[in-house]
N, C-alpha and C. Protein backbone atom coordinates (compact mmCIF):
# COMPACT_ATOMS: atom_id res chain seq x y z
N MET A 1 140.72 155.25 339.43
CA MET A 1 141.34 155.86 338.20
C MET A 1 140.41 157.23 338.24
N SER A 2 141.03 158.73 337.70
CA SER A 2 140.38 159.89 337.67
C SER A 2 140.36 160.53 336.33
N SER A 3 139.02 160.60 335.79
CA SER A 3 138.80 161.40 334.85
C SER A 3 139.01 162.85 334.67
N ARG A 4 139.70 163.32 335.66
CA ARG A 4 140.06 164.69 335.54
C ARG A 4 140.84 164.70 334.32
N PRO A 5 141.22 166.10 333.89
CA PRO A 5 141.97 166.46 332.61
C PRO A 5 143.36 166.81 333.50
N ARG A 6 144.54 166.20 332.98
CA ARG A 6 146.02 166.35 333.52
C ARG A 6 146.09 167.55 333.27
N LEU A 7 146.86 168.65 333.91
CA LEU A 7 147.38 169.89 333.57
C LEU A 7 148.85 169.67 332.84
N LYS A 8 149.22 170.60 332.20
CA LYS A 8 150.50 170.38 331.60
C LYS A 8 151.45 171.89 331.68
N PRO A 9 152.27 171.49 332.15
CA PRO A 9 153.15 172.84 332.07
C PRO A 9 153.33 173.64 330.97
N LEU A 10 153.34 174.82 330.91
CA LEU A 10 153.73 175.59 329.87
C LEU A 10 155.46 175.40 329.44
N ALA A 11 155.39 175.40 328.20
CA ALA A 11 156.45 175.46 327.72
C ALA A 11 157.78 176.96 328.38
N ARG A 12 158.47 176.74 328.10
CA ARG A 12 159.54 177.93 328.66
C ARG A 12 159.74 179.00 327.62
N PRO A 13 159.42 180.12 328.04
CA PRO A 13 158.96 181.39 326.99
C PRO A 13 160.59 181.36 326.33
N LYS A 14 159.97 181.96 324.98
CA LYS A 14 161.37 182.25 324.35
C LYS A 14 161.60 183.55 323.95
N THR A 15 162.86 183.99 323.68
CA THR A 15 162.58 185.60 323.34
C THR A 15 162.19 185.73 321.79
N VAL A 16 161.51 186.56 321.52
CA VAL A 16 161.62 187.06 320.26
C VAL A 16 162.04 188.78 320.12
N THR A 17 161.75 188.90 318.75
CA THR A 17 162.01 190.60 318.36
C THR A 17 160.96 191.10 317.94
N VAL A 18 160.37 191.95 318.74
CA VAL A 18 159.30 192.64 318.48
C VAL A 18 159.53 194.62 318.16
N ARG A 19 158.83 194.63 317.10
CA ARG A 19 158.82 196.15 316.69
C ARG A 19 157.50 196.76 317.04
N ILE A 20 157.25 197.78 318.03
CA ILE A 20 156.20 198.28 318.90
C ILE A 20 155.84 199.62 317.98
N ASP A 21 154.13 200.05 317.88
CA ASP A 21 154.05 201.55 317.65
C ASP A 21 154.07 202.63 318.89
N ASP A 22 153.71 203.63 318.52
CA ASP A 22 154.00 204.75 319.74
C ASP A 22 153.16 204.56 320.82
N ASP A 23 152.24 203.29 321.30
CA ASP A 23 151.49 202.75 322.50
C ASP A 23 152.08 201.65 322.99
N GLY A 24 152.95 201.31 322.44
CA GLY A 24 153.86 199.97 322.37
C GLY A 24 153.29 198.67 321.96
N ASP A 25 152.36 198.73 321.40
CA ASP A 25 151.68 197.77 320.91
C ASP A 25 152.60 197.07 319.98
N PRO A 26 152.64 195.89 319.65
CA PRO A 26 153.25 194.92 318.65
C PRO A 26 153.20 195.62 317.21
N LEU A 27 153.90 195.97 316.33
CA LEU A 27 153.52 195.92 314.90
C LEU A 27 153.92 194.55 314.04
N PHE A 28 155.26 193.98 314.53
CA PHE A 28 155.99 193.09 313.87
C PHE A 28 156.68 192.35 314.91
N VAL A 29 156.47 191.10 314.69
CA VAL A 29 157.27 189.82 315.53
C VAL A 29 157.95 189.10 314.63
N ARG A 30 159.35 189.38 315.44
CA ARG A 30 160.27 187.94 314.36
C ARG A 30 160.55 186.51 315.74
N LEU A 31 160.06 185.47 315.33
CA LEU A 31 160.13 184.38 316.08
C LEU A 31 161.53 183.89 315.83
N PRO A 32 162.34 183.18 316.71
CA PRO A 32 163.53 182.54 316.77
C PRO A 32 163.69 181.71 315.41
N GLY A 33 164.58 182.05 314.26
CA GLY A 33 164.62 181.50 313.16
C GLY A 33 163.40 181.47 312.12
N LYS A 34 162.60 182.82 312.23
CA LYS A 34 161.80 182.41 311.25
C LYS A 34 161.97 184.11 310.63
N THR A 35 161.10 184.58 309.93
CA THR A 35 161.12 185.76 309.15
C THR A 35 160.15 186.77 309.86
N ALA A 36 160.16 187.83 310.19
CA ALA A 36 159.23 188.99 310.62
C ALA A 36 158.11 188.66 310.08
N ARG A 37 156.77 188.55 310.95
CA ARG A 37 155.50 188.64 310.50
C ARG A 37 155.06 189.78 310.96
N ARG A 38 153.68 190.46 310.25
CA ARG A 38 153.39 191.63 310.92
C ARG A 38 152.11 191.37 311.56
N VAL A 39 151.79 192.17 312.70
CA VAL A 39 150.57 191.60 313.70
C VAL A 39 149.69 192.57 313.22
N ALA A 40 148.23 191.47 312.61
CA ALA A 40 147.23 192.00 311.92
C ALA A 40 146.13 192.28 313.37
N ALA A 41 145.94 191.73 314.67
CA ALA A 41 145.15 192.60 315.64
C ALA A 41 145.94 192.35 316.86
N VAL A 42 145.62 193.08 317.51
CA VAL A 42 145.73 192.37 319.34
C VAL A 42 144.70 192.41 319.84
N ARG A 43 144.59 191.21 320.04
CA ARG A 43 142.97 190.59 321.02
C ARG A 43 142.69 190.65 322.33
N GLU A 44 143.95 191.16 323.24
CA GLU A 44 143.98 190.91 324.72
C GLU A 44 145.19 191.75 324.92
N ARG A 45 145.09 192.53 326.07
CA ARG A 45 146.17 193.04 326.76
C ARG A 45 145.99 192.98 328.36
N TRP A 46 147.09 192.65 328.90
CA TRP A 46 147.05 192.54 330.57
C TRP A 46 148.18 192.51 330.99
N ARG A 47 148.21 192.91 332.25
CA ARG A 47 149.47 193.44 333.31
C ARG A 47 149.46 192.38 334.49
N ILE A 48 150.95 191.76 334.74
CA ILE A 48 151.23 191.36 336.02
C ILE A 48 152.13 191.92 336.49
N ASP A 49 152.13 192.45 337.56
CA ASP A 49 153.13 192.66 338.79
C ASP A 49 152.90 191.88 339.83
N ASP A 50 153.97 191.46 340.17
CA ASP A 50 153.95 189.73 341.52
C ASP A 50 155.06 189.60 341.84
N GLU A 51 155.28 189.30 343.18
CA GLU A 51 156.15 188.26 344.14
C GLU A 51 156.99 189.62 344.21
N TRP A 52 156.93 190.60 344.57
CA TRP A 52 157.64 191.72 345.04
C TRP A 52 158.60 191.20 346.14
N TRP A 53 158.47 190.51 346.97
CA TRP A 53 159.11 190.08 348.20
C TRP A 53 160.08 189.31 347.81
N ARG A 54 159.83 188.53 346.48
CA ARG A 54 161.00 187.51 346.43
C ARG A 54 161.67 188.29 345.32
N GLN A 55 161.23 187.76 344.08
CA GLN A 55 161.98 188.06 343.07
C GLN A 55 161.06 188.94 341.84
N ALA A 56 160.89 190.02 341.86
CA ALA A 56 159.63 190.71 340.97
C ALA A 56 159.64 190.33 339.98
N ILE A 57 158.07 190.50 339.42
CA ILE A 57 157.66 190.07 338.20
C ILE A 57 157.01 191.36 337.81
N SER A 58 157.39 191.97 336.61
CA SER A 58 156.38 192.90 336.13
C SER A 58 156.20 192.56 334.30
N ARG A 59 155.20 192.33 333.84
CA ARG A 59 155.04 192.07 332.53
C ARG A 59 153.94 192.61 332.08
N GLU A 60 153.64 192.87 331.03
CA GLU A 60 152.82 193.16 329.89
C GLU A 60 152.47 192.12 328.96
N TYR A 61 151.33 191.24 329.21
CA TYR A 61 151.02 189.93 327.97
C TYR A 61 150.15 190.95 326.76
N ARG A 62 150.38 190.00 326.09
CA ARG A 62 149.05 190.41 324.52
C ARG A 62 148.68 189.20 323.97
N THR A 63 147.94 188.77 323.76
CA THR A 63 147.46 188.00 322.55
C THR A 63 147.13 188.46 321.44
N ILE A 64 148.20 188.23 320.19
CA ILE A 64 148.15 188.65 319.26
C ILE A 64 147.54 187.70 318.19
N VAL A 65 147.09 188.53 317.02
CA VAL A 65 147.05 187.76 315.58
C VAL A 65 147.85 188.01 314.55
N LEU A 66 148.80 187.21 313.95
CA LEU A 66 149.70 187.88 312.85
C LEU A 66 148.78 187.55 311.71
N ASP A 67 149.72 188.35 310.57
CA ASP A 67 149.41 188.21 309.31
C ASP A 67 148.93 186.94 308.46
N ASP A 68 149.51 185.91 308.95
CA ASP A 68 149.04 184.69 308.28
C ASP A 68 148.12 184.01 309.12
N GLY A 69 147.49 184.54 310.25
CA GLY A 69 146.16 183.70 311.36
C GLY A 69 146.67 183.08 312.29
N ALA A 70 148.41 183.05 312.51
CA ALA A 70 148.69 182.85 313.70
C ALA A 70 148.67 183.34 314.93
N VAL A 71 148.07 182.76 316.10
CA VAL A 71 147.50 183.58 317.21
C VAL A 71 148.56 183.22 318.41
N LEU A 72 149.16 184.03 318.80
CA LEU A 72 150.38 184.09 319.82
C LEU A 72 150.35 185.10 321.10
N THR A 73 150.75 184.26 322.49
CA THR A 73 150.73 185.25 323.35
C THR A 73 152.04 185.69 323.91
N LEU A 74 152.33 186.97 323.91
CA LEU A 74 153.63 187.93 323.77
C LEU A 74 153.72 188.23 325.26
N TYR A 75 154.69 188.28 326.10
CA TYR A 75 154.78 189.16 327.05
C TYR A 75 156.03 189.86 326.88
N HIS A 76 155.94 191.27 327.52
CA HIS A 76 157.27 192.41 327.65
C HIS A 76 157.59 192.18 328.89
N ASP A 77 158.68 191.58 329.19
CA ASP A 77 159.30 191.86 330.42
C ASP A 77 159.48 193.37 330.57
N LEU A 78 158.88 194.01 331.76
CA LEU A 78 159.26 195.40 332.04
C LEU A 78 160.41 195.83 332.77
N LEU A 79 161.01 194.33 333.37
CA LEU A 79 162.17 194.67 333.99
C LEU A 79 163.74 194.80 333.52
N ASP A 80 163.22 193.89 332.26
CA ASP A 80 164.79 193.66 331.63
C ASP A 80 164.41 194.12 330.14
N ASP A 81 163.41 194.84 329.60
CA ASP A 81 162.85 195.53 328.50
C ASP A 81 163.07 194.23 327.48
N SER A 82 162.56 192.82 327.50
CA SER A 82 162.53 192.21 326.60
C SER A 82 161.36 191.52 326.52
N TRP A 83 161.28 191.02 325.09
CA TRP A 83 159.77 190.30 324.95
C TRP A 83 160.16 188.88 324.66
N TYR A 84 159.04 188.10 324.99
CA TYR A 84 159.15 186.85 324.86
C TYR A 84 157.88 186.16 324.35
N VAL A 85 157.82 184.98 323.63
CA VAL A 85 156.68 184.50 323.48
C VAL A 85 156.33 182.85 324.50
N GLN A 86 154.79 182.88 324.62
CA GLN A 86 154.95 182.23 325.76
C GLN A 86 153.79 180.88 324.62
N ARG A 87 154.27 179.85 324.81
CA ARG A 87 153.72 178.88 323.95
C ARG A 87 153.20 177.56 324.97
N GLY A 88 151.95 177.31 324.90
CA GLY A 88 151.16 176.08 325.59
C GLY A 88 151.87 174.96 325.52
């Protein structure tokens, strides 16, 4: 019997509505079925460009803190100009 922790897959990303500032950072986020929340802080920002030989991926990720203290990971799909929330 193994005592190693099991990896669990990430949930499928959900489309969200995001209003951005002039630098492209989120100002407000509206999750499905919820009221829009103000973004209090952007903690991290990183970009992934991958798999050009199969199906290209080009995304800008951000870990954000909402005004109610909730922490979310969002990504902006640069190929289809849509925003998603990625939940664990």
